[in-house]
Amino acid sequence: MAIPEGITAYTVVLEDNKTWIWNAMKGEKYSSMDPFCPLVNVGCLINQDNVSESITDMIHANLFPEFFVF
């Protein structure tokens, strides 16, 4: 499934003991258990304390970005 809006950031919300994944561009939400959720890869996680980036795909592509620790 292609995402017409291109690279997209999703927001993950814990609500009533359920995890919801929001596409803010479209205003759509998906259950984390929904097999049709378009989120298939997580490249970065951001919260109030930290920024974490997954470099697995970058290692396979021989890309080594600079990382900034806050």
PDB file of N, CA and C in Angstrom:
ATOM      1  N   MET A   1       0.836  -1.172   0.000  1.00  0.00           N
ATOM      2  CA  MET A   1       0.000   0.000   0.000  1.00  0.00           C
ATOM      3  C   MET A   1       0.886   1.241   0.000  1.00  0.00           C
ATOM      4  N   ALA A   2       0.680   2.104  -0.909  1.00  0.00           N
ATOM      5  CA  ALA A   2       1.443   3.348  -0.965  1.00  0.00           C
ATOM      6  C   ALA A   2       0.782   4.404  -0.094  1.00  0.00           C
ATOM      7  N   ILE A   3       1.587   5.301   0.424  1.00  0.00           N
ATOM      8  CA  ILE A   3       1.059   6.415   1.200  1.00  0.00           C
ATOM      9  C   ILE A   3       1.147   7.643   0.317  1.00  0.00           C
ATOM     10  N   PRO A   4       0.009   8.117  -0.204  1.00  0.00           N
ATOM     11  CA  PRO A   4       0.019   9.230  -1.170  1.00  0.00           C
ATOM     12  C   PRO A   4       0.663  10.501  -0.649  1.00  0.00           C
ATOM     13  N   GLU A   5       0.594  10.752   0.672  1.00  0.00           N
ATOM     14  CA  GLU A   5       1.183  11.975   1.200  1.00  0.00           C
ATOM     15  C   GLU A   5       2.689  11.873   1.410  1.00  0.00           C
ATOM     16  N   GLY A   6       3.288  10.754   1.051  1.00  0.00           N
ATOM     17  CA  GLY A   6       4.744  10.604   1.157  1.00  0.00           C
ATOM     18  C   GLY A   6       5.172  10.176   2.553  1.00  0.00           C
ATOM     19  N   ILE A   7       6.388  10.544   2.922  1.00  0.00           N
ATOM     20  CA  ILE A   7       6.898  10.201   4.249  1.00  0.00           C
ATOM     21  C   ILE A   7       5.974  10.817   5.282  1.00  0.00           C
ATOM     22  N   THR A   8       5.517  10.009   6.214  1.00  0.00           N
ATOM     23  CA  THR A   8       4.488  10.431   7.147  1.00  0.00           C
ATOM     24  C   THR A   8       4.903  10.153   8.580  1.00  0.00           C
ATOM     25  N   ALA A   9       4.574  11.059   9.468  1.00  0.00           N
ATOM     26  CA  ALA A   9       4.790  10.850  10.897  1.00  0.00           C
ATOM     27  C   ALA A   9       3.463  10.430  11.522  1.00  0.00           C
ATOM     28  N   TYR A  10       3.511   9.435  12.356  1.00  0.00           N
ATOM     29  CA  TYR A  10       2.335   8.960  13.063  1.00  0.00           C
ATOM     30  C   TYR A  10       2.491   9.278  14.544  1.00  0.00           C
ATOM     31  N   THR A  11       1.370   9.408  15.227  1.00  0.00           N
ATOM     32  CA  THR A  11       1.361   9.621  16.670  1.00  0.00           C
ATOM     33  C   THR A  11       0.764   8.388  17.316  1.00  0.00           C
ATOM     34  N   VAL A  12       1.444   7.870  18.338  1.00  0.00           N
ATOM     35  CA  VAL A  12       0.958   6.697  19.054  1.00  0.00           C
ATOM     36  C   VAL A  12       0.393   7.177  20.389  1.00  0.00           C
ATOM     37  N   VAL A  13      -0.843   6.763  20.679  1.00  0.00           N
ATOM     38  CA  VAL A  13      -1.542   7.213  21.880  1.00  0.00           C
ATOM     39  C   VAL A  13      -2.054   5.995  22.644  1.00  0.00           C
ATOM     40  N   LEU A  14      -1.804   5.978  23.954  1.00  0.00           N
ATOM     41  CA  LEU A  14      -2.376   4.950  24.822  1.00  0.00           C
ATOM     42  C   LEU A  14      -3.642   5.527  25.426  1.00  0.00           C
ATOM     43  N   GLU A  15      -4.773   4.885  25.120  1.00  0.00           N
ATOM     44  CA  GLU A  15      -6.076   5.395  25.548  1.00  0.00           C
ATOM     45  C   GLU A  15      -6.953   4.220  25.958  1.00  0.00           C
ATOM     46  N   ASP A  16      -7.453   4.236  27.176  1.00  0.00           N
ATOM     47  CA  ASP A  16      -8.308   3.151  27.678  1.00  0.00           C
ATOM     48  C   ASP A  16      -7.630   1.790  27.540  1.00  0.00           C
ATOM     49  N   ASN A  17      -6.346   1.738  27.873  1.00  0.00           N
ATOM     50  CA  ASN A  17      -5.542   0.508  27.796  1.00  0.00           C
ATOM     51  C   ASN A  17      -5.450  -0.065  26.388  1.00  0.00           C
ATOM     52  N   LYS A  18      -5.667   0.766  25.377  1.00  0.00           N
ATOM     53  CA  LYS A  18      -5.499   0.361  23.981  1.00  0.00           C
ATOM     54  C   LYS A  18      -4.513   1.311  23.323  1.00  0.00           C
ATOM     55  N   THR A  19      -3.755   0.801  22.383  1.00  0.00           N
ATOM     56  CA  THR A  19      -2.795   1.612  21.657  1.00  0.00           C
ATOM     57  C   THR A  19      -3.374   1.993  20.306  1.00  0.00           C
ATOM     58  N   TRP A  20      -3.426   3.299  20.042  1.00  0.00           N
ATOM     59  CA  TRP A  20      -3.953   3.820  18.787  1.00  0.00           C
ATOM     60  C   TRP A  20      -2.836   4.505  18.020  1.00  0.00           C
ATOM     61  N   ILE A  21      -2.841   4.334  16.719  1.00  0.00           N
ATOM     62  CA  ILE A  21      -1.857   4.954  15.834  1.00  0.00           C
ATOM     63  C   ILE A  21      -2.599   5.949  14.962  1.00  0.00           C
ATOM     64  N   TRP A  22      -2.230   7.225  15.085  1.00  0.00           N
ATOM     65  CA  TRP A  22      -2.905   8.304  14.359  1.00  0.00           C
ATOM     66  C   TRP A  22      -2.081   8.782  13.183  1.00  0.00           C
ATOM     67  N   ASN A  23      -2.717   8.949  12.042  1.00  0.00           N
ATOM     68  CA  ASN A  23      -2.134   9.643  10.901  1.00  0.00           C
ATOM     69  C   ASN A  23      -2.685  11.060  10.958  1.00  0.00           C
ATOM     70  N   ALA A  24      -1.866  11.994  11.434  1.00  0.00           N
ATOM     71  CA  ALA A  24      -2.337  13.364  11.645  1.00  0.00           C
ATOM     72  C   ALA A  24      -2.655  14.079  10.334  1.00  0.00           C
ATOM     73  N   MET A  25      -1.995  13.713   9.257  1.00  0.00           N
ATOM     74  CA  MET A  25      -2.267  14.354   7.960  1.00  0.00           C
ATOM     75  C   MET A  25      -3.700  14.091   7.501  1.00  0.00           C
ATOM     76  N   LYS A  26      -4.190  12.883   7.778  1.00  0.00           N
ATOM     77  CA  LYS A  26      -5.529  12.493   7.321  1.00  0.00           C
ATOM     78  C   LYS A  26      -6.562  12.485   8.446  1.00  0.00           C
ATOM     79  N   GLY A  27      -6.112  12.596   9.697  1.00  0.00           N
ATOM     80  CA  GLY A  27      -7.046  12.525  10.814  1.00  0.00           C
ATOM     81  C   GLY A  27      -7.622  11.134  11.013  1.00  0.00           C
ATOM     82  N   GLU A  28      -6.873  10.110  10.620  1.00  0.00           N
ATOM     83  CA  GLU A  28      -7.346   8.729  10.746  1.00  0.00           C
ATOM     84  C   GLU A  28      -6.618   8.042  11.879  1.00  0.00           C
ATOM     85  N   LYS A  29      -7.313   7.159  12.598  1.00  0.00           N
ATOM     86  CA  LYS A  29      -6.655   6.385  13.648  1.00  0.00           C
ATOM     87  C   LYS A  29      -6.855   4.902  13.393  1.00  0.00           C
ATOM     88  N   TYR A  30      -5.857   4.139  13.810  1.00  0.00           N
ATOM     89  CA  TYR A  30      -5.858   2.696  13.614  1.00  0.00           C
ATOM     90  C   TYR A  30      -5.519   2.032  14.941  1.00  0.00           C
ATOM     91  N   SER A  31      -6.102   0.896  15.193  1.00  0.00           N
ATOM     92  CA  SER A  31      -5.706   0.094  16.338  1.00  0.00           C
ATOM     93  C   SER A  31      -4.320  -0.473  16.056  1.00  0.00           C
ATOM     94  N   SER A  32      -3.526  -0.624  17.101  1.00  0.00           N
ATOM     95  CA  SER A  32      -2.208  -1.232  16.899  1.00  0.00           C
ATOM     96  C   SER A  32      -2.323  -2.687  16.474  1.00  0.00           C
ATOM     97  N   MET A  33      -3.499  -3.269  16.640  1.00  0.00           N
ATOM     98  CA  MET A  33      -3.728  -4.661  16.252  1.00  0.00           C
ATOM     99  C   MET A  33      -4.350  -4.778  14.855  1.00  0.00           C
ATOM    100  N   ASP A  34      -4.620  -3.658  14.207  1.00  0.00           N
ATOM    101  CA  ASP A  34      -5.277  -3.641  12.899  1.00  0.00           C
ATOM    102  C   ASP A  34      -4.301  -4.093  11.807  1.00  0.00           C
ATOM    103  N   PRO A  35      -4.572  -5.213  11.138  1.00  0.00           N
ATOM    104  CA  PRO A  35      -3.657  -5.682  10.099  1.00  0.00           C
ATOM    105  C   PRO A  35      -3.629  -4.757   8.868  1.00  0.00           C
ATOM    106  N   PHE A  36      -4.581  -3.843   8.756  1.00  0.00           N
ATOM    107  CA  PHE A  36      -4.620  -2.923   7.622  1.00  0.00           C
ATOM    108  C   PHE A  36      -4.019  -1.558   7.944  1.00  0.00           C
ATOM    109  N   CYS A  37      -3.441  -1.418   9.126  1.00  0.00           N
ATOM    110  CA  CYS A  37      -2.777  -0.164   9.474  1.00  0.00           C
ATOM    111  C   CYS A  37      -1.617   0.048   8.501  1.00  0.00           C
ATOM    112  N   PRO A  38      -1.518   1.226   7.892  1.00  0.00           N
ATOM    113  CA  PRO A  38      -0.479   1.444   6.888  1.00  0.00           C
ATOM    114  C   PRO A  38       0.935   1.590   7.462  1.00  0.00           C
ATOM    115  N   LEU A  39       1.071   1.702   8.775  1.00  0.00           N
ATOM    116  CA  LEU A  39       2.394   1.816   9.392  1.00  0.00           C
ATOM    117  C   LEU A  39       3.093   0.462   9.333  1.00  0.00           C
ATOM    118  N   VAL A  40       4.185   0.376   8.600  1.00  0.00           N
ATOM    119  CA  VAL A  40       4.892  -0.896   8.448  1.00  0.00           C
ATOM    120  C   VAL A  40       6.327  -0.833   8.957  1.00  0.00           C
ATOM    121  N   ASN A  41       6.815   0.372   9.285  1.00  0.00           N
ATOM    122  CA  ASN A  41       8.194   0.516   9.726  1.00  0.00           C
ATOM    123  C   ASN A  41       8.278   1.705  10.665  1.00  0.00           C
ATOM    124  N   VAL A  42       9.029   1.552  11.743  1.00  0.00           N
ATOM    125  CA  VAL A  42       9.251   2.653  12.674  1.00  0.00           C
ATOM    126  C   VAL A  42      10.714   3.043  12.582  1.00  0.00           C
ATOM    127  N   GLY A  43      10.960   4.263  12.124  1.00  0.00           N
ATOM    128  CA  GLY A  43      12.333   4.721  11.959  1.00  0.00           C
ATOM    129  C   GLY A  43      12.812   5.598  13.093  1.00  0.00           C
ATOM    130  N   CYS A  44      11.880   6.205  13.828  1.00  0.00           N
ATOM    131  CA  CYS A  44      12.262   7.138  14.887  1.00  0.00           C
ATOM    132  C   CYS A  44      11.150   7.215  15.919  1.00  0.00           C
ATOM    133  N   LEU A  45      11.540   7.256  17.180  1.00  0.00           N
ATOM    134  CA  LEU A  45      10.595   7.440  18.274  1.00  0.00           C
ATOM    135  C   LEU A  45      10.993   8.698  19.031  1.00  0.00           C
ATOM    136  N   ILE A  46      10.021   9.547  19.314  1.00  0.00           N
ATOM    137  CA  ILE A  46      10.281  10.794  20.030  1.00  0.00           C
ATOM    138  C   ILE A  46       9.302  10.894  21.191  1.00  0.00           C
ATOM    139  N   ASN A  47       9.821  11.192  22.384  1.00  0.00           N
ATOM    140  CA  ASN A  47       8.946  11.498  23.515  1.00  0.00           C
ATOM    141  C   ASN A  47       9.513  12.705  24.248  1.00  0.00           C
ATOM    142  N   GLN A  48       8.954  13.029  25.400  1.00  0.00           N
ATOM    143  CA  GLN A  48       9.379  14.219  26.111  1.00  0.00           C
ATOM    144  C   GLN A  48      10.792  14.110  26.669  1.00  0.00           C
ATOM    145  N   ASP A  49      11.362  12.899  26.722  1.00  0.00           N
ATOM    146  CA  ASP A  49      12.679  12.700  27.310  1.00  0.00           C
ATOM    147  C   ASP A  49      13.791  12.374  26.326  1.00  0.00           C
ATOM    148  N   ASN A  50      13.457  11.870  25.143  1.00  0.00           N
ATOM    149  CA  ASN A  50      14.511  11.334  24.292  1.00  0.00           C
ATOM    150  C   ASN A  50      14.061  11.252  22.829  1.00  0.00           C
ATOM    151  N   VAL A  51      15.053  11.078  21.965  1.00  0.00           N
ATOM    152  CA  VAL A  51      14.838  10.800  20.550  1.00  0.00           C
ATOM    153  C   VAL A  51      15.622   9.540  20.235  1.00  0.00           C
ATOM    154  N   SER A  52      14.951   8.524  19.704  1.00  0.00           N
ATOM    155  CA  SER A  52      15.604   7.268  19.346  1.00  0.00           C
ATOM    156  C   SER A  52      15.392   7.011  17.866  1.00  0.00           C
ATOM    157  N   GLU A  53      16.448   6.589  17.189  1.00  0.00           N
ATOM    158  CA  GLU A  53      16.350   6.329  15.760  1.00  0.00           C
ATOM    159  C   GLU A  53      16.792   4.906  15.468  1.00  0.00           C
ATOM    160  N   SER A  54      16.037   4.235  14.617  1.00  0.00           N
ATOM    161  CA  SER A  54      16.393   2.887  14.188  1.00  0.00           C
ATOM    162  C   SER A  54      17.359   3.000  13.018  1.00  0.00           C
ATOM    163  N   ILE A  55      18.513   2.374  13.141  1.00  0.00           N
ATOM    164  CA  ILE A  55      19.497   2.462  12.064  1.00  0.00           C
ATOM    165  C   ILE A  55      19.649   1.153  11.307  1.00  0.00           C
ATOM    166  N   THR A  56      18.784   0.183  11.577  1.00  0.00           N
ATOM    167  CA  THR A  56      18.891  -1.125  10.925  1.00  0.00           C
ATOM    168  C   THR A  56      18.898  -1.001   9.408  1.00  0.00           C
ATOM    169  N   ASP A  57      17.928  -0.283   8.845  1.00  0.00           N
ATOM    170  CA  ASP A  57      17.867  -0.119   7.396  1.00  0.00           C
ATOM    171  C   ASP A  57      19.054   0.668   6.873  1.00  0.00           C
ATOM    172  N   MET A  58      19.531   1.635   7.653  1.00  0.00           N
ATOM    173  CA  MET A  58      20.663   2.448   7.226  1.00  0.00           C
ATOM    174  C   MET A  58      21.951   1.635   7.198  1.00  0.00           C
ATOM    175  N   ILE A  59      22.095   0.710   8.140  1.00  0.00           N
ATOM    176  CA  ILE A  59      23.287  -0.143   8.157  1.00  0.00           C
ATOM    177  C   ILE A  59      23.295  -1.025   6.916  1.00  0.00           C
ATOM    178  N   HIS A  60      22.127  -1.607   6.581  1.00  0.00           N
ATOM    179  CA  HIS A  60      22.054  -2.460   5.397  1.00  0.00           C
ATOM    180  C   HIS A  60      22.326  -1.671   4.117  1.00  0.00           C
ATOM    181  N   ALA A  61      22.014  -0.385   4.127  1.00  0.00           N
ATOM    182  CA  ALA A  61      22.240   0.456   2.946  1.00  0.00           C
ATOM    183  C   ALA A  61      23.596   1.166   3.013  1.00  0.00           C
ATOM    184  N   ASN A  62      24.404   0.820   4.029  1.00  0.00           N
ATOM    185  CA  ASN A  62      25.716   1.449   4.237  1.00  0.00           C
ATOM    186  C   ASN A  62      25.620   2.959   4.408  1.00  0.00           C
ATOM    187  N   LEU A  63      24.578   3.398   5.077  1.00  0.00           N
ATOM    188  CA  LEU A  63      24.422   4.810   5.409  1.00  0.00           C
ATOM    189  C   LEU A  63      24.620   4.968   6.907  1.00  0.00           C
ATOM    190  N   PHE A  64      25.513   5.841   7.299  1.00  0.00           N
ATOM    191  CA  PHE A  64      25.789   6.050   8.711  1.00  0.00           C
ATOM    192  C   PHE A  64      25.578   7.520   9.046  1.00  0.00           C
ATOM    193  N   PRO A  65      24.368   7.873   9.477  1.00  0.00           N
ATOM    194  CA  PRO A  65      24.079   9.276   9.789  1.00  0.00           C
ATOM    195  C   PRO A  65      24.729   9.724  11.089  1.00  0.00           C
ATOM    196  N   GLU A  66      24.866  11.030  11.246  1.00  0.00           N
ATOM    197  CA  GLU A  66      25.333  11.573  12.516  1.00  0.00           C
ATOM    198  C   GLU A  66      24.155  11.553  13.479  1.00  0.00           C
ATOM    199  N   PHE A  67      24.452  11.258  14.741  1.00  0.00           N
ATOM    200  CA  PHE A  67      23.411  11.238  15.751  1.00  0.00           C
ATOM    201  C   PHE A  67      23.682  12.330  16.757  1.00  0.00           C
ATOM    202  N   PHE A  68      22.626  12.969  17.193  1.00  0.00           N
ATOM    203  CA  PHE A  68      22.724  14.020  18.173  1.00  0.00           C
ATOM    204  C   PHE A  68      22.016  13.560  19.432  1.00  0.00           C
ATOM    205  N   VAL A  69      22.693  13.584  20.561  1.00  0.00           N
ATOM    206  CA  VAL A  69      22.121  13.162  21.819  1.00  0.00           C
ATOM    207  C   VAL A  69      21.693  14.408  22.590  1.00  0.00           C
ATOM    208  N   PHE A  70      20.472  14.412  23.036  1.00  0.00           N
ATOM    209  CA  PHE A  70      19.948  15.552  23.777  1.00  0.00           C
ATOM    210  C   PHE A  70      20.076  15.305  25.253  1.00  0.00           C
TER     211      PHE A  70
END
